[in-house]
Structures are given as C-alpha cells and as structure tokens.
Amino acid sequence: MSKGGFMKDALILFAITLVAGACLGGAYEITKGPIEAAELAAKEDAFRTVLADAGSFQLDDYSAALEKANSDAPGLGFGNVQVDECATGVDGSGSPMGYVVTATSKDGYGGNITISVGITTEGQVKGIEFLTIGETAGLGMNATTPEWKGQFADKTVDAFSVTKSGASADNEIDAISGATITSNAVTGAVNTALYFINNCVQQ
C-alpha cells in the first residue's frame, strides 16, 4: 500500500471514529434525563417504605453535608459507618417534609449492611428498610422482621442505644438474641443517618 493510500485510510478511520463519538455523546445527553428520571422512580418505591407521607422525592445535592458527615463519622462512636446518599421528601406544595438517608455499616457479622432511614424535618425517624444485608439466618437476619426494625419507627431521639435487658425508653433498642453484632451495626447506621440530618443538613 502506498503512503498516500495509508494516510487516506487513516483519515477515513479517524473521521468515522470522530462521528461515532459525537453520536454517542449526543445520545448520552438525550437519554441522561430520562434515565435519571427512571432511576428516581424506581428508588421512590423504596423511599415510600420509610417516608410514606411524602408527596414526591428529589435527589438534591448534599455533597458538602455528606463530606462533613463522613469526615465526622469515625469520632461519633457509631462504628464503621458511612452515609451514601440522601433524598428530600416534599409535600404536595413542594415544601420539604423529610429525608431518606442511605447509610452503610461495615460492622455487620456477615458483611456490609446498607439501610434506608426515613427522617422528618423535625428529626423523627419514621422507619428503616434494608437494602443490603447478609447476616446469619435465624439470628442476624431477624433484624429484617417488622417487629425488630419497627422499634425505630416514630421515635425522636438524638441517638439510639442497644440494650440486652429490655427497652424501657424511646432511645433503647432491644438487641436481637444471639446477634448483638448485627443489632449494633444497624443501630450505628441509623444513628449516623440521624447525625447527618441533625448536624450536617439542618444545622
């Protein structure tokens, strides 16, 4: 092949690559909005489990608050926990009425435990739901029962604590029999979510 022919083929290939790249970029920009809307719609089902009174949800920018919470987390005494994400629940008029916080504890007996926590603007926990949990069947997995996770619902406290002697106050959570590690991991995640809202979002 002559040098001129080689250069011609190279230029054609470059032009094709350039056009293809432009088309892909344009397609991404066109589909970006609908994809994000579809993802939010899917998440809303989970959000409504823990913050049922919200009219809709918004994925606002909480990057600064997330950075602060995760920077503070190691010194809070809640274990190895991080806040992953937060969505704002709004009422029918579009005013904020609460938040859904996703938090992950790395202290689970069977690995990471990720939960969603619904918290009102007044700081009341409305409920929790598990997104990721792989604890021991019949022990740590009992955390997913309505009876156990329901202990957090409709409570307004600064932080929860795990007890083995029976909960006698709003801030006390009965430990799962034979699964104190799981109980502490979940409670630590809820407490970090509360800290995030009370000290990083609503300062």
N, C-alpha and C. Protein backbone atom coordinates (compact mmCIF):
# COMPACT_ATOMS: atom_id res chain seq x y z
N MET A 1 0.86 -1.19 0.00
CA MET A 1 0.00 0.00 0.00
C MET A 1 0.89 1.24 0.00
N SER A 2 0.54 2.23 -0.81
CA SER A 2 1.32 3.46 -0.87
C SER A 2 1.09 4.28 0.38
N LYS A 3 2.04 5.19 0.61
CA LYS A 3 1.95 6.06 1.78
C LYS A 3 0.68 6.91 1.72
N GLY A 4 0.37 7.39 0.50
CA GLY A 4 -0.83 8.21 0.33
C GLY A 4 -2.10 7.43 0.65
N GLY A 5 -2.13 6.15 0.22
CA GLY A 5 -3.30 5.33 0.50
C GLY A 5 -3.46 5.04 1.97
N PHE A 6 -2.34 4.81 2.62
CA PHE A 6 -2.36 4.56 4.07
C PHE A 6 -2.91 5.77 4.82
N MET A 7 -2.43 6.96 4.45
CA MET A 7 -2.89 8.19 5.11
C MET A 7 -4.38 8.43 4.87
N LYS A 8 -4.82 8.09 3.64
CA LYS A 8 -6.23 8.27 3.31
C LYS A 8 -7.10 7.36 4.19
N ASP A 9 -6.69 6.09 4.33
CA ASP A 9 -7.44 5.15 5.18
C ASP A 9 -7.45 5.60 6.63
N ALA A 10 -6.30 6.12 7.09
CA ALA A 10 -6.20 6.57 8.47
C ALA A 10 -7.14 7.75 8.72
N LEU A 11 -7.19 8.67 7.77
CA LEU A 11 -8.07 9.84 7.91
C LEU A 11 -9.55 9.42 7.89
N ILE A 12 -9.87 8.45 7.04
CA ILE A 12 -11.26 7.96 6.99
C ILE A 12 -11.65 7.32 8.32
N LEU A 13 -10.73 6.48 8.85
CA LEU A 13 -10.99 5.82 10.14
C LEU A 13 -11.14 6.85 11.25
N PHE A 14 -10.30 7.88 11.24
CA PHE A 14 -10.38 8.94 12.24
C PHE A 14 -11.72 9.67 12.16
N ALA A 15 -12.14 9.96 10.92
CA ALA A 15 -13.41 10.67 10.73
C ALA A 15 -14.58 9.83 11.23
N ILE A 16 -14.54 8.52 10.93
CA ILE A 16 -15.60 7.62 11.39
C ILE A 16 -15.65 7.59 12.91
N THR A 17 -14.46 7.48 13.54
CA THR A 17 -14.37 7.44 15.00
C THR A 17 -14.91 8.74 15.62
N LEU A 18 -14.56 9.86 14.99
CA LEU A 18 -15.00 11.16 15.48
C LEU A 18 -16.52 11.29 15.42
N VAL A 19 -17.09 10.90 14.28
CA VAL A 19 -18.55 10.98 14.10
C VAL A 19 -19.26 10.04 15.08
N ALA A 20 -18.72 8.82 15.24
CA ALA A 20 -19.33 7.85 16.16
C ALA A 20 -19.30 8.37 17.59
N GLY A 21 -18.16 8.97 17.95
CA GLY A 21 -18.04 9.52 19.30
C GLY A 21 -19.03 10.65 19.53
N ALA A 22 -19.18 11.49 18.53
CA ALA A 22 -20.13 12.61 18.65
C ALA A 22 -21.56 12.10 18.78
N CYS A 23 -21.86 11.06 18.00
CA CYS A 23 -23.22 10.48 18.07
C CYS A 23 -23.50 9.87 19.43
N LEU A 24 -22.50 9.15 19.98
CA LEU A 24 -22.67 8.54 21.30
C LEU A 24 -22.83 9.61 22.37
N GLY A 25 -22.02 10.67 22.26
CA GLY A 25 -22.14 11.76 23.23
C GLY A 25 -23.50 12.42 23.17
N GLY A 26 -23.99 12.63 21.95
CA GLY A 26 -25.31 13.23 21.78
C GLY A 26 -26.40 12.33 22.33
N ALA A 27 -26.27 11.02 22.07
CA ALA A 27 -27.27 10.07 22.57
C ALA A 27 -27.28 10.06 24.09
N TYR A 28 -26.07 10.15 24.70
CA TYR A 28 -25.99 10.16 26.17
C TYR A 28 -26.71 11.38 26.74
N GLU A 29 -26.46 12.54 26.13
CA GLU A 29 -27.10 13.77 26.63
C GLU A 29 -28.62 13.69 26.48
N ILE A 30 -29.07 13.09 25.38
CA ILE A 30 -30.52 12.98 25.14
C ILE A 30 -31.17 12.04 26.14
N THR A 31 -30.48 10.91 26.44
CA THR A 31 -31.08 9.89 27.31
C THR A 31 -30.77 10.10 28.79
N LYS A 32 -29.82 10.99 29.11
CA LYS A 32 -29.40 11.19 30.50
C LYS A 32 -30.59 11.55 31.39
N GLY A 33 -31.40 12.53 30.95
CA GLY A 33 -32.54 12.97 31.74
C GLY A 33 -33.55 11.86 31.99
N PRO A 34 -34.02 11.18 30.92
CA PRO A 34 -34.98 10.08 31.12
C PRO A 34 -34.43 8.94 31.98
N ILE A 35 -33.13 8.62 31.85
CA ILE A 35 -32.54 7.56 32.67
C ILE A 35 -32.57 7.95 34.13
N GLU A 36 -32.18 9.20 34.43
CA GLU A 36 -32.19 9.66 35.82
C GLU A 36 -33.61 9.65 36.38
N ALA A 37 -34.58 10.05 35.55
CA ALA A 37 -35.98 10.06 36.00
C ALA A 37 -36.47 8.65 36.30
N ALA A 38 -36.06 7.69 35.45
CA ALA A 38 -36.46 6.29 35.66
C ALA A 38 -35.83 5.73 36.93
N GLU A 39 -34.55 6.07 37.15
CA GLU A 39 -33.87 5.60 38.36
C GLU A 39 -34.53 6.17 39.61
N LEU A 40 -34.90 7.45 39.56
CA LEU A 40 -35.56 8.07 40.71
C LEU A 40 -36.92 7.43 40.95
N ALA A 41 -37.65 7.13 39.89
CA ALA A 41 -38.96 6.49 40.05
C ALA A 41 -38.83 5.13 40.71
N ALA A 42 -37.80 4.38 40.34
CA ALA A 42 -37.57 3.07 40.95
C ALA A 42 -37.21 3.22 42.42
N LYS A 43 -36.41 4.23 42.73
CA LYS A 43 -36.00 4.45 44.12
C LYS A 43 -37.18 4.90 44.97
N GLU A 44 -38.11 5.61 44.36
CA GLU A 44 -39.24 6.15 45.13
C GLU A 44 -40.02 5.05 45.83
N ASP A 45 -40.10 3.87 45.23
CA ASP A 45 -40.80 2.76 45.87
C ASP A 45 -40.16 2.43 47.21
N ALA A 46 -38.81 2.41 47.22
CA ALA A 46 -38.10 2.15 48.47
C ALA A 46 -38.23 3.32 49.42
N PHE A 47 -38.17 4.53 48.88
CA PHE A 47 -38.28 5.72 49.72
C PHE A 47 -39.62 5.76 50.46
N ARG A 48 -40.69 5.38 49.74
CA ARG A 48 -42.02 5.47 50.34
C ARG A 48 -42.21 4.47 51.48
N THR A 49 -41.40 3.43 51.50
CA THR A 49 -41.47 2.46 52.59
C THR A 49 -41.11 3.10 53.92
N VAL A 50 -40.16 4.04 53.88
CA VAL A 50 -39.67 4.64 55.13
C VAL A 50 -40.15 6.08 55.34
N LEU A 51 -40.73 6.69 54.31
CA LEU A 51 -41.25 8.05 54.44
C LEU A 51 -42.53 8.15 53.61
N ALA A 52 -43.53 7.45 54.10
CA ALA A 52 -44.77 7.25 53.33
C ALA A 52 -45.56 8.53 53.10
N ASP A 53 -45.39 9.54 53.96
CA ASP A 53 -46.20 10.75 53.87
C ASP A 53 -45.71 11.73 52.81
N ALA A 54 -44.56 11.49 52.23
CA ALA A 54 -44.03 12.41 51.22
C ALA A 54 -44.83 12.33 49.93
N GLY A 55 -45.04 13.49 49.29
CA GLY A 55 -45.74 13.50 48.02
C GLY A 55 -44.85 13.03 46.89
N SER A 56 -43.57 13.43 46.94
CA SER A 56 -42.58 13.01 45.95
C SER A 56 -41.19 13.21 46.55
N PHE A 57 -40.18 12.82 45.78
CA PHE A 57 -38.81 12.88 46.29
C PHE A 57 -37.89 13.57 45.29
N GLN A 58 -36.89 14.26 45.82
CA GLN A 58 -35.91 14.95 44.99
C GLN A 58 -34.51 14.51 45.40
N LEU A 59 -33.66 14.23 44.41
CA LEU A 59 -32.26 13.91 44.70
C LEU A 59 -31.46 15.20 44.64
N ASP A 60 -31.47 15.94 45.75
CA ASP A 60 -30.77 17.21 45.82
C ASP A 60 -29.27 17.00 46.05
N ASP A 61 -28.51 18.07 45.91
CA ASP A 61 -27.07 18.00 46.09
C ASP A 61 -26.71 18.15 47.57
N TYR A 62 -26.37 17.03 48.19
CA TYR A 62 -25.95 17.04 49.59
C TYR A 62 -24.46 16.72 49.73
N SER A 63 -23.69 17.01 48.69
CA SER A 63 -22.29 16.60 48.68
C SER A 63 -21.50 17.19 49.85
N ALA A 64 -21.72 18.46 50.17
CA ALA A 64 -20.98 19.08 51.28
C ALA A 64 -21.37 18.44 52.61
N ALA A 65 -22.68 18.20 52.79
CA ALA A 65 -23.15 17.58 54.03
C ALA A 65 -22.65 16.15 54.15
N LEU A 66 -22.63 15.41 53.03
CA LEU A 66 -22.12 14.04 53.03
C LEU A 66 -20.64 14.01 53.41
N GLU A 67 -19.89 14.95 52.86
CA GLU A 67 -18.46 15.01 53.16
C GLU A 67 -18.23 15.28 54.64
N LYS A 68 -19.00 16.21 55.19
CA LYS A 68 -18.85 16.53 56.62
C LYS A 68 -19.23 15.33 57.48
N ALA A 69 -20.35 14.70 57.19
CA ALA A 69 -20.81 13.56 58.00
C ALA A 69 -19.80 12.42 57.97
N ASN A 70 -19.29 12.12 56.80
CA ASN A 70 -18.35 11.00 56.68
C ASN A 70 -16.98 11.34 57.25
N SER A 71 -16.67 12.63 57.30
CA SER A 71 -15.44 13.06 57.97
C SER A 71 -15.58 12.94 59.48
N ASP A 72 -16.77 13.26 59.99
CA ASP A 72 -17.03 13.21 61.43
C ASP A 72 -17.27 11.79 61.93
N ALA A 73 -17.76 10.91 61.05
CA ALA A 73 -18.24 9.58 61.44
C ALA A 73 -17.29 8.77 62.32
N PRO A 74 -15.97 8.73 62.02
CA PRO A 74 -15.08 7.90 62.85
C PRO A 74 -15.05 8.30 64.32
N GLY A 75 -15.36 9.55 64.63
CA GLY A 75 -15.31 10.01 66.01
C GLY A 75 -16.64 10.01 66.73
N LEU A 76 -17.69 9.49 66.10
CA LEU A 76 -19.02 9.56 66.69
C LEU A 76 -19.33 8.39 67.62
N GLY A 77 -18.57 7.31 67.51
CA GLY A 77 -18.83 6.14 68.34
C GLY A 77 -19.92 5.23 67.82
N PHE A 78 -20.26 5.37 66.54
CA PHE A 78 -21.32 4.56 65.94
C PHE A 78 -20.77 3.42 65.10
N GLY A 79 -19.48 3.19 65.15
CA GLY A 79 -18.87 2.12 64.38
C GLY A 79 -18.37 2.60 63.03
N ASN A 80 -18.04 1.65 62.19
CA ASN A 80 -17.51 1.94 60.85
C ASN A 80 -18.67 2.12 59.88
N VAL A 81 -19.19 3.35 59.85
CA VAL A 81 -20.41 3.65 59.10
C VAL A 81 -20.17 4.84 58.18
N GLN A 82 -20.83 4.82 57.03
CA GLN A 82 -20.78 5.98 56.15
C GLN A 82 -22.17 6.28 55.62
N VAL A 83 -22.41 7.56 55.30
CA VAL A 83 -23.67 7.97 54.67
C VAL A 83 -23.44 7.98 53.17
N ASP A 84 -24.28 7.28 52.43
CA ASP A 84 -24.10 7.11 50.99
C ASP A 84 -24.86 8.13 50.16
N GLU A 85 -26.06 8.45 50.59
CA GLU A 85 -26.95 9.25 49.74
C GLU A 85 -28.08 9.82 50.58
N CYS A 86 -28.68 10.90 50.06
CA CYS A 86 -29.86 11.46 50.74
C CYS A 86 -30.81 12.00 49.68
N ALA A 87 -32.09 11.75 49.90
CA ALA A 87 -33.14 12.31 49.05
C ALA A 87 -34.08 13.14 49.92
N THR A 88 -34.63 14.20 49.36
CA THR A 88 -35.56 15.06 50.07
C THR A 88 -36.98 14.65 49.75
N GLY A 89 -37.78 14.41 50.79
CA GLY A 89 -39.20 14.15 50.60
C GLY A 89 -39.96 15.45 50.71
N VAL A 90 -40.80 15.75 49.72
CA VAL A 90 -41.55 17.00 49.73
C VAL A 90 -43.05 16.71 49.79
N ASP A 91 -43.80 17.68 50.33
CA ASP A 91 -45.24 17.52 50.41
C ASP A 91 -45.90 17.96 49.11
N GLY A 92 -47.22 18.04 49.10
CA GLY A 92 -47.94 18.38 47.88
C GLY A 92 -47.62 19.75 47.34
N SER A 93 -47.18 20.68 48.21
CA SER A 93 -46.85 22.03 47.77
C SER A 93 -45.38 22.18 47.38
N GLY A 94 -44.63 21.08 47.53
CA GLY A 94 -43.22 21.12 47.17
C GLY A 94 -42.29 21.51 48.29
N SER A 95 -42.83 21.64 49.51
CA SER A 95 -42.01 22.00 50.66
C SER A 95 -41.40 20.76 51.29
N PRO A 96 -40.14 20.83 51.72
CA PRO A 96 -39.51 19.67 52.35
C PRO A 96 -40.26 19.25 53.61
N MET A 97 -40.50 17.93 53.75
CA MET A 97 -41.13 17.40 54.96
C MET A 97 -40.31 16.28 55.60
N GLY A 98 -39.24 15.90 54.92
CA GLY A 98 -38.41 14.85 55.48
C GLY A 98 -37.31 14.43 54.52
N TYR A 99 -36.58 13.41 54.94
CA TYR A 99 -35.43 12.94 54.16
C TYR A 99 -35.37 11.42 54.20
N VAL A 100 -34.82 10.84 53.15
CA VAL A 100 -34.49 9.42 53.16
C VAL A 100 -32.97 9.31 53.02
N VAL A 101 -32.35 8.81 54.07
CA VAL A 101 -30.89 8.71 54.12
C VAL A 101 -30.48 7.26 53.91
N THR A 102 -29.54 7.03 53.02
CA THR A 102 -28.95 5.70 52.82
C THR A 102 -27.62 5.66 53.55
N ALA A 103 -27.47 4.71 54.46
CA ALA A 103 -26.24 4.59 55.24
C ALA A 103 -25.78 3.14 55.25
N THR A 104 -24.47 2.94 55.29
CA THR A 104 -23.88 1.60 55.28
C THR A 104 -22.98 1.40 56.48
N SER A 105 -23.24 0.32 57.22
CA SER A 105 -22.35 -0.09 58.30
C SER A 105 -21.49 -1.25 57.80
N LYS A 106 -20.19 -1.13 58.06
CA LYS A 106 -19.27 -2.20 57.67
C LYS A 106 -18.99 -3.14 58.83
N ASP A 107 -19.81 -3.03 59.88
CA ASP A 107 -19.60 -3.82 61.09
C ASP A 107 -20.51 -5.03 61.20
N GLY A 108 -21.25 -5.35 60.14
CA GLY A 108 -22.15 -6.50 60.18
C GLY A 108 -21.38 -7.80 60.35
N TYR A 109 -22.00 -8.77 60.94
CA TYR A 109 -21.36 -10.08 61.15
C TYR A 109 -21.08 -10.76 59.81
N GLY A 110 -21.99 -10.56 58.84
CA GLY A 110 -21.86 -11.21 57.55
C GLY A 110 -21.44 -10.28 56.43
N GLY A 111 -20.99 -9.08 56.78
CA GLY A 111 -20.58 -8.12 55.74
C GLY A 111 -21.29 -6.80 55.92
N ASN A 112 -21.23 -5.98 54.88
CA ASN A 112 -21.84 -4.66 54.94
C ASN A 112 -23.36 -4.74 55.07
N ILE A 113 -23.91 -3.81 55.85
CA ILE A 113 -25.36 -3.68 55.99
C ILE A 113 -25.74 -2.28 55.53
N THR A 114 -26.57 -2.18 54.51
CA THR A 114 -27.00 -0.89 53.99
C THR A 114 -28.49 -0.72 54.23
N ILE A 115 -28.86 0.43 54.79
CA ILE A 115 -30.26 0.69 55.11
C ILE A 115 -30.70 2.05 54.58
N SER A 116 -32.00 2.19 54.41
CA SER A 116 -32.62 3.48 54.17
C SER A 116 -33.35 3.88 55.45
N VAL A 117 -33.19 5.15 55.82
CA VAL A 117 -33.81 5.66 57.04
C VAL A 117 -34.66 6.88 56.68
N GLY A 118 -35.95 6.83 57.01
CA GLY A 118 -36.82 7.98 56.78
C GLY A 118 -36.84 8.86 58.02
N ILE A 119 -36.52 10.14 57.85
CA ILE A 119 -36.43 11.08 58.96
C ILE A 119 -37.17 12.35 58.59
N THR A 120 -38.08 12.81 59.44
CA THR A 120 -38.81 14.04 59.16
C THR A 120 -37.93 15.26 59.39
N THR A 121 -38.40 16.43 58.96
CA THR A 121 -37.65 17.66 59.20
C THR A 121 -37.58 17.99 60.69
N GLU A 122 -38.44 17.36 61.50
CA GLU A 122 -38.39 17.55 62.95
C GLU A 122 -37.45 16.55 63.62
N GLY A 123 -36.82 15.69 62.82
CA GLY A 123 -35.86 14.75 63.37
C GLY A 123 -36.46 13.45 63.85
N GLN A 124 -37.71 13.17 63.49
CA GLN A 124 -38.35 11.91 63.90
C GLN A 124 -38.07 10.81 62.88
N VAL A 125 -37.59 9.68 63.36
CA VAL A 125 -37.38 8.52 62.49
C VAL A 125 -38.74 7.90 62.19
N LYS A 126 -39.08 7.80 60.92
CA LYS A 126 -40.36 7.22 60.53
C LYS A 126 -40.26 5.73 60.24
N GLY A 127 -39.06 5.27 59.90
CA GLY A 127 -38.89 3.84 59.64
C GLY A 127 -37.56 3.57 59.00
N ILE A 128 -37.19 2.29 58.97
CA ILE A 128 -35.95 1.87 58.29
C ILE A 128 -36.28 0.69 57.38
N GLU A 129 -35.46 0.53 56.35
CA GLU A 129 -35.61 -0.59 55.43
C GLU A 129 -34.22 -1.04 55.01
N PHE A 130 -34.06 -2.34 54.84
CA PHE A 130 -32.77 -2.89 54.46
C PHE A 130 -32.62 -2.93 52.94
N LEU A 131 -31.48 -2.46 52.48
CA LEU A 131 -31.14 -2.54 51.07
C LEU A 131 -30.14 -3.67 50.82
N THR A 132 -29.22 -3.85 51.78
CA THR A 132 -28.22 -4.93 51.70
C THR A 132 -28.01 -5.50 53.09
N ILE A 133 -28.18 -6.83 53.23
CA ILE A 133 -27.90 -7.50 54.49
C ILE A 133 -27.65 -8.98 54.21
N GLY A 134 -26.62 -9.52 54.82
CA GLY A 134 -26.29 -10.92 54.61
C GLY A 134 -25.90 -11.59 55.91
N GLU A 135 -26.72 -11.37 56.94
CA GLU A 135 -26.42 -11.91 58.26
C GLU A 135 -26.87 -13.37 58.38
N THR A 136 -26.58 -13.98 59.51
CA THR A 136 -26.88 -15.40 59.72
C THR A 136 -28.39 -15.63 59.81
N ALA A 137 -28.88 -16.60 59.04
CA ALA A 137 -30.31 -16.95 59.08
C ALA A 137 -30.70 -17.38 60.49
N GLY A 138 -31.85 -16.89 60.94
CA GLY A 138 -32.35 -17.26 62.27
C GLY A 138 -31.73 -16.46 63.39
N LEU A 139 -30.71 -15.67 63.07
CA LEU A 139 -30.06 -14.82 64.09
C LEU A 139 -30.07 -13.38 63.58
N GLY A 140 -28.95 -12.96 62.96
CA GLY A 140 -28.86 -11.59 62.49
C GLY A 140 -29.93 -11.20 61.49
N MET A 141 -30.39 -12.17 60.67
CA MET A 141 -31.42 -11.84 59.68
C MET A 141 -32.76 -11.49 60.33
N ASN A 142 -32.89 -11.76 61.62
CA ASN A 142 -34.11 -11.34 62.32
C ASN A 142 -34.24 -9.83 62.40
N ALA A 143 -33.16 -9.12 62.06
CA ALA A 143 -33.22 -7.66 62.01
C ALA A 143 -34.23 -7.18 60.97
N THR A 144 -34.50 -8.01 59.97
CA THR A 144 -35.40 -7.61 58.88
C THR A 144 -36.87 -7.82 59.22
N THR A 145 -37.15 -8.39 60.38
CA THR A 145 -38.56 -8.61 60.74
C THR A 145 -39.23 -7.28 61.09
N PRO A 146 -40.51 -7.14 60.78
CA PRO A 146 -41.21 -5.90 61.11
C PRO A 146 -41.13 -5.56 62.60
N GLU A 147 -41.15 -6.60 63.44
CA GLU A 147 -41.13 -6.37 64.88
C GLU A 147 -39.83 -5.70 65.33
N TRP A 148 -38.70 -6.18 64.80
CA TRP A 148 -37.43 -5.62 65.27
C TRP A 148 -37.16 -4.24 64.66
N LYS A 149 -37.26 -4.13 63.34
CA LYS A 149 -36.95 -2.84 62.73
C LYS A 149 -38.00 -1.78 63.08
N GLY A 150 -39.20 -2.25 63.48
CA GLY A 150 -40.24 -1.32 63.89
C GLY A 150 -39.94 -0.59 65.19
N GLN A 151 -38.93 -1.05 65.93
CA GLN A 151 -38.55 -0.37 67.17
C GLN A 151 -38.05 1.05 66.93
N PHE A 152 -37.56 1.33 65.72
CA PHE A 152 -37.02 2.65 65.41
C PHE A 152 -38.11 3.64 64.99
N ALA A 153 -39.27 3.12 64.58
CA ALA A 153 -40.29 3.96 63.96
C ALA A 153 -40.94 4.93 64.92
N ASP A 154 -41.18 6.14 64.41
CA ASP A 154 -41.90 7.20 65.14
C ASP A 154 -41.20 7.59 66.44
N LYS A 155 -39.88 7.57 66.42
CA LYS A 155 -39.09 7.97 67.59
C LYS A 155 -38.30 9.23 67.26
N THR A 156 -38.28 10.16 68.20
CA THR A 156 -37.49 11.39 68.06
C THR A 156 -36.42 11.39 69.15
N VAL A 157 -35.22 11.01 68.78
CA VAL A 157 -34.11 10.92 69.73
C VAL A 157 -32.84 11.43 69.05
N ASP A 158 -31.84 11.77 69.86
CA ASP A 158 -30.56 12.17 69.28
C ASP A 158 -29.81 10.95 68.75
N ALA A 159 -29.93 9.85 69.48
CA ALA A 159 -29.27 8.60 69.07
C ALA A 159 -29.91 7.44 69.81
N PHE A 160 -29.86 6.25 69.20
CA PHE A 160 -30.37 5.03 69.82
C PHE A 160 -29.23 4.25 70.46
N SER A 161 -29.58 3.45 71.45
CA SER A 161 -28.60 2.56 72.06
C SER A 161 -29.20 1.16 72.16
N VAL A 162 -28.34 0.16 72.04
CA VAL A 162 -28.78 -1.23 72.09
C VAL A 162 -28.72 -1.73 73.53
N THR A 163 -29.78 -2.41 73.94
CA THR A 163 -29.83 -2.97 75.28
C THR A 163 -30.17 -4.45 75.23
N LYS A 164 -29.63 -5.21 76.19
CA LYS A 164 -29.94 -6.63 76.28
C LYS A 164 -30.93 -6.92 77.40
N SER A 165 -31.35 -5.88 78.10
CA SER A 165 -32.22 -6.08 79.27
C SER A 165 -33.64 -5.59 79.06
N GLY A 166 -34.02 -5.33 77.81
CA GLY A 166 -35.38 -4.89 77.53
C GLY A 166 -35.45 -3.39 77.42
N ALA A 167 -35.95 -2.90 76.29
CA ALA A 167 -36.04 -1.47 76.06
C ALA A 167 -37.07 -0.84 76.99
N SER A 168 -36.66 0.21 77.69
CA SER A 168 -37.56 0.90 78.61
C SER A 168 -37.68 2.38 78.29
N ALA A 169 -37.01 2.84 77.24
CA ALA A 169 -37.07 4.25 76.82
C ALA A 169 -37.07 4.31 75.30
N ASP A 170 -37.50 5.46 74.76
CA ASP A 170 -37.60 5.60 73.31
C ASP A 170 -36.27 5.40 72.60
N ASN A 171 -35.17 5.73 73.28
CA ASN A 171 -33.87 5.65 72.62
C ASN A 171 -33.23 4.26 72.74
N GLU A 172 -33.93 3.32 73.35
CA GLU A 172 -33.37 1.98 73.55
C GLU A 172 -33.94 0.99 72.53
N ILE A 173 -33.04 0.16 72.02
CA ILE A 173 -33.40 -0.87 71.03
C ILE A 173 -33.04 -2.23 71.61
N ASP A 174 -34.01 -3.13 71.66
CA ASP A 174 -33.75 -4.48 72.15
C ASP A 174 -32.81 -5.21 71.18
N ALA A 175 -31.72 -5.73 71.72
CA ALA A 175 -30.79 -6.50 70.90
C ALA A 175 -31.46 -7.79 70.42
N ILE A 176 -31.09 -8.21 69.22
CA ILE A 176 -31.56 -9.49 68.70
C ILE A 176 -30.84 -10.59 69.48
N SER A 177 -31.58 -11.54 69.98
CA SER A 177 -30.98 -12.64 70.75
C SER A 177 -29.92 -13.37 69.92
N GLY A 178 -28.70 -13.41 70.42
CA GLY A 178 -27.63 -14.10 69.73
C GLY A 178 -27.03 -13.33 68.58
N ALA A 179 -27.42 -12.07 68.41
CA ALA A 179 -26.92 -11.27 67.26
C ALA A 179 -26.70 -9.82 67.68
N THR A 180 -25.93 -9.63 68.73
CA THR A 180 -25.65 -8.27 69.20
C THR A 180 -24.84 -7.49 68.18
N ILE A 181 -23.96 -8.18 67.47
CA ILE A 181 -23.14 -7.50 66.46
C ILE A 181 -24.03 -6.88 65.39
N THR A 182 -24.99 -7.64 64.91
CA THR A 182 -25.93 -7.12 63.91
C THR A 182 -26.74 -5.97 64.47
N SER A 183 -27.23 -6.13 65.70
CA SER A 183 -28.03 -5.08 66.34
C SER A 183 -27.25 -3.78 66.43
N ASN A 184 -25.99 -3.86 66.82
CA ASN A 184 -25.16 -2.67 66.95
C ASN A 184 -24.85 -2.05 65.59
N ALA A 185 -24.63 -2.90 64.58
CA ALA A 185 -24.32 -2.39 63.24
C ALA A 185 -25.50 -1.61 62.66
N VAL A 186 -26.69 -2.17 62.77
CA VAL A 186 -27.88 -1.49 62.24
C VAL A 186 -28.13 -0.20 63.01
N THR A 187 -28.05 -0.27 64.33
CA THR A 187 -28.30 0.90 65.15
C THR A 187 -27.27 1.99 64.87
N GLY A 188 -26.01 1.59 64.64
CA GLY A 188 -24.98 2.55 64.29
C GLY A 188 -25.27 3.26 62.98
N ALA A 189 -25.82 2.53 62.01
CA ALA A 189 -26.18 3.14 60.73
C ALA A 189 -27.32 4.13 60.90
N VAL A 190 -28.32 3.77 61.70
CA VAL A 190 -29.44 4.68 61.95
C VAL A 190 -28.94 5.94 62.66
N ASN A 191 -28.07 5.76 63.66
CA ASN A 191 -27.55 6.90 64.40
C ASN A 191 -26.73 7.84 63.51
N THR A 192 -25.98 7.27 62.59
CA THR A 192 -25.19 8.11 61.67
C THR A 192 -26.11 8.87 60.72
N ALA A 193 -27.20 8.24 60.29
CA ALA A 193 -28.18 8.93 59.46
C ALA A 193 -28.80 10.10 60.22
N LEU A 194 -29.12 9.88 61.49
CA LEU A 194 -29.67 10.95 62.32
C LEU A 194 -28.66 12.09 62.49
N TYR A 195 -27.42 11.74 62.73
CA TYR A 195 -26.37 12.76 62.87
C TYR A 195 -26.27 13.57 61.60
N PHE A 196 -26.31 12.90 60.47
CA PHE A 196 -26.21 13.57 59.17
C PHE A 196 -27.31 14.62 59.01
N ILE A 197 -28.55 14.25 59.33
CA ILE A 197 -29.66 15.19 59.18
C ILE A 197 -29.58 16.31 60.22
N ASN A 198 -29.37 15.96 61.47
CA ASN A 198 -29.42 16.95 62.54
C ASN A 198 -28.22 17.89 62.58
N ASN A 199 -27.07 17.44 62.11
CA ASN A 199 -25.85 18.23 62.27
C ASN A 199 -25.19 18.66 60.96
N CYS A 200 -25.58 18.04 59.87
CA CYS A 200 -24.94 18.38 58.59
C CYS A 200 -25.92 18.97 57.57
N VAL A 201 -27.18 18.58 57.65
CA VAL A 201 -28.20 19.11 56.71
C VAL A 201 -28.96 20.25 57.37
N GLN A 202 -29.49 20.00 58.57
CA GLN A 202 -30.28 21.01 59.29
C GLN A 202 -29.44 21.61 60.41
N GLN A 203 -28.46 22.41 60.04
CA GLN A 203 -27.58 23.00 61.05
C GLN A 203 -28.23 24.22 61.69
